[in-house]
Amino acid sequence: MKKIGIFYGSTTGTTKKVAHDIGRILGVSEADIHDVASTPPSDVGGYEVLVLGSSTWNDGALQDDWYDFLAGMSVLDLSRKYVAVFGCGDETMSDTFCSAVGEIRNRIKDTGAKLIAPYDVVGYHFEHSGAVAENAVEAEGLLLDEVNHPELTAPRIAGWCALISEVAKG
């Protein structure tokens, strides 16, 4: 089994809660769930599968603590790592819903990491997201809306974690 590390940035606590929920489902110990505000980017080196999570703010921006962390990650060779990304947002922000997921993926795509676990957007209604390519039926990761659709969160996390578990077993 590949070792999984979860890294999140959270301002209001929602993304932190989701990170810990994902950790429980994946069987990740609390010691392997990291707040990027107090974690050096080099800590990703101890894991084979990285689960990265951010909320989306304003015009599609990352949660504040991610900028320095991703700058540090961008210089690392992650060619032996698998990366899955999740995001928390509010679909009423219809033109930027969970765009931070796409932002994270864009910033790490040149590190050699293998991007995994795209996930459908069924149940959400938005015009645009930086996490969804034009005309795509899947997002580049897991999108969650705890504000308007909390009833979708648990089943979406469970389905997404099943995809990550398959990679971690291989």
Protein backbone atom coordinates (compact mmCIF):
# COMPACT_ATOMS: atom_id res chain seq x y z
CA MET A 1 0.00 0.00 0.00
CA LYS A 2 1.33 3.41 -0.99
CA LYS A 3 1.63 5.95 1.81
CA ILE A 4 -0.95 8.76 1.59
CA GLY A 5 -0.46 12.30 2.87
CA ILE A 6 -3.25 14.87 2.97
CA PHE A 7 -2.41 18.57 2.70
CA TYR A 8 -5.07 21.26 3.05
CA GLY A 9 -5.52 25.00 3.44
CA SER A 10 -8.55 26.15 5.40
CA THR A 11 -9.77 29.57 6.46
CA THR A 12 -13.21 28.83 7.91
CA GLY A 13 -12.62 25.20 8.91
CA THR A 14 -14.70 23.53 6.20
CA THR A 15 -11.75 22.29 4.15
CA LYS A 16 -10.01 21.10 7.31
CA LYS A 17 -13.09 19.07 8.26
CA VAL A 18 -13.30 17.57 4.78
CA ALA A 19 -9.57 16.72 4.85
CA HIS A 20 -10.07 14.80 8.10
CA ASP A 21 -13.19 13.07 6.73
CA ILE A 22 -11.17 11.96 3.69
CA GLY A 23 -8.39 10.81 6.01
CA ARG A 24 -10.78 8.64 8.02
CA ILE A 25 -12.15 6.96 4.90
CA LEU A 26 -8.67 6.36 3.45
CA GLY A 27 -7.29 5.15 6.78
CA VAL A 28 -4.77 8.00 6.99
CA SER A 29 -3.44 8.74 10.47
CA GLU A 30 -3.89 12.21 11.96
CA ALA A 31 -0.09 12.66 11.77
CA ASP A 32 -0.32 12.41 7.98
CA ILE A 33 -2.94 15.17 7.62
CA HIS A 34 -1.21 18.54 7.25
CA ASP A 35 -2.31 22.17 7.31
CA VAL A 36 -0.20 23.90 4.64
CA ALA A 37 -0.05 27.02 6.83
CA SER A 38 2.33 25.22 9.19
CA THR A 39 3.93 22.58 6.97
CA PRO A 40 7.02 22.91 4.77
CA PRO A 41 6.47 21.81 1.15
CA SER A 42 9.35 19.35 1.49
CA ASP A 43 7.08 17.23 3.73
CA VAL A 44 5.35 15.90 0.60
CA GLY A 45 8.51 13.85 0.03
CA GLY A 46 7.44 11.28 2.62
CA TYR A 47 4.36 10.22 0.65
CA GLU A 48 3.61 8.40 -2.58
CA VAL A 49 0.03 9.66 -2.88
CA LEU A 50 -0.74 13.31 -2.15
CA VAL A 51 -4.27 14.52 -1.51
CA LEU A 52 -4.42 18.31 -1.75
CA GLY A 53 -7.40 20.43 -0.74
CA SER A 54 -8.33 24.11 -0.89
CA SER A 55 -11.37 26.30 -0.71
CA THR A 56 -11.99 28.84 -3.48
CA TRP A 57 -12.17 32.55 -2.69
CA ASN A 58 -13.27 35.74 -4.45
CA ASP A 59 -12.65 35.49 -8.19
CA GLY A 60 -11.48 31.86 -8.10
CA ALA A 61 -8.42 32.30 -5.90
CA LEU A 62 -6.76 29.67 -3.75
CA GLN A 63 -7.02 29.71 0.02
CA ASP A 64 -4.21 32.11 1.11
CA ASP A 65 -1.85 29.56 2.66
CA TRP A 66 -1.53 27.60 -0.60
CA TYR A 67 0.49 30.18 -2.55
CA ASP A 68 3.79 29.76 -0.70
CA PHE A 69 3.28 26.01 -0.29
CA LEU A 70 2.71 25.52 -4.03
CA ALA A 71 5.68 27.73 -4.88
CA GLY A 72 7.82 25.38 -2.79
CA MET A 73 6.23 22.28 -4.33
CA SER A 74 6.75 23.57 -7.87
CA VAL A 75 10.52 23.13 -7.63
CA LEU A 76 10.29 19.54 -6.37
CA ASP A 77 10.52 16.46 -8.56
CA LEU A 78 7.21 14.74 -7.95
CA SER A 79 7.54 12.28 -10.81
CA ARG A 80 7.07 9.31 -8.50
CA LYS A 81 3.99 10.81 -6.81
CA TYR A 82 0.28 10.51 -7.46
CA VAL A 83 -1.78 13.64 -6.77
CA ALA A 84 -5.52 13.99 -6.17
CA VAL A 85 -7.11 17.39 -5.57
CA PHE A 86 -10.32 18.38 -3.80
CA GLY A 87 -11.97 21.70 -3.24
CA CYS A 88 -14.73 23.31 -1.25
CA GLY A 89 -16.83 26.05 -2.77
CA ASP A 90 -20.25 27.60 -3.18
CA GLU A 91 -22.03 26.91 -6.46
CA THR A 92 -23.79 30.29 -6.24
CA MET A 93 -20.38 31.69 -7.14
CA SER A 94 -21.37 30.32 -10.51
CA ASP A 95 -18.42 31.56 -12.57
CA THR A 96 -15.65 30.38 -10.22
CA PHE A 97 -17.08 27.34 -8.42
CA CYS A 98 -14.18 25.37 -6.88
CA SER A 99 -11.70 26.92 -9.33
CA ALA A 100 -8.93 26.42 -6.75
CA VAL A 101 -8.89 22.73 -7.73
CA GLY A 102 -7.85 23.67 -11.26
CA GLU A 103 -5.39 26.23 -9.92
CA ILE A 104 -3.60 23.63 -7.80
CA ARG A 105 -3.45 21.15 -10.67
CA ASN A 106 -2.11 23.83 -13.04
CA ARG A 107 0.61 24.81 -10.60
CA ILE A 108 1.87 21.25 -10.09
CA LYS A 109 1.49 19.86 -13.61
CA ASP A 110 5.14 20.55 -14.47
CA THR A 111 6.46 18.69 -11.41
CA GLY A 112 6.05 15.29 -13.06
CA ALA A 113 3.30 14.23 -10.65
CA LYS A 114 0.69 11.81 -11.96
CA LEU A 115 -2.68 13.53 -11.57
CA ILE A 116 -5.44 11.12 -10.52
CA ALA A 117 -9.08 10.94 -9.42
CA PRO A 118 -11.13 13.21 -11.66
CA TYR A 119 -14.73 13.19 -10.47
CA ASP A 120 -18.16 14.01 -11.86
CA VAL A 121 -20.04 17.22 -11.12
CA VAL A 122 -23.51 15.66 -10.98
CA GLY A 123 -25.81 17.52 -8.60
CA TYR A 124 -24.15 20.92 -8.97
CA HIS A 125 -25.30 23.81 -11.15
CA PHE A 126 -22.70 26.41 -12.11
CA GLU A 127 -21.61 28.25 -15.22
CA HIS A 128 -17.83 27.86 -15.04
CA SER A 129 -15.10 26.36 -12.93
CA GLY A 130 -11.34 26.39 -13.40
CA ALA A 131 -11.54 22.75 -12.31
CA VAL A 132 -13.66 21.65 -15.28
CA ALA A 133 -12.41 21.75 -18.87
CA GLU A 134 -14.85 23.11 -21.42
CA ASN A 135 -17.48 20.50 -22.35
CA ALA A 136 -16.09 18.02 -19.82
CA VAL A 137 -18.37 15.86 -17.68
CA GLU A 138 -15.81 15.46 -14.92
CA ALA A 139 -13.88 17.91 -12.81
CA GLU A 140 -10.12 17.60 -12.37
CA GLY A 141 -10.79 16.52 -8.79
CA LEU A 142 -13.49 16.38 -6.15
CA LEU A 143 -15.72 19.45 -5.92
CA LEU A 144 -17.83 19.96 -2.78
CA ASP A 145 -20.44 22.52 -1.78
CA GLU A 146 -21.13 22.30 1.95
CA VAL A 147 -23.15 25.54 1.77
CA ASN A 148 -25.87 24.52 -0.68
CA HIS A 149 -25.54 20.74 -0.99
CA PRO A 150 -24.16 19.22 2.22
CA GLU A 151 -26.22 16.09 1.49
CA LEU A 152 -23.94 15.36 -1.49
CA THR A 153 -20.69 15.59 0.47
CA ALA A 154 -20.46 12.17 2.18
CA PRO A 155 -21.35 10.08 -0.87
CA ARG A 156 -19.06 12.13 -3.11
CA ILE A 157 -16.15 11.78 -0.68
CA ALA A 158 -16.75 8.02 -0.45
CA GLY A 159 -16.80 7.58 -4.23
CA TRP A 160 -13.71 9.73 -4.73
CA CYS A 161 -11.79 7.95 -1.97
CA ALA A 162 -12.51 4.63 -3.69
CA LEU A 163 -10.62 5.93 -6.74
CA ILE A 164 -7.66 6.99 -4.61
CA SER A 165 -7.66 3.66 -2.76
CA GLU A 166 -7.34 1.79 -6.06
CA VAL A 167 -4.21 3.79 -6.91
CA ALA A 168 -2.79 3.39 -3.40
CA LYS A 169 -3.23 -0.40 -3.56
CA GLY A 170 -1.45 -0.67 -6.92
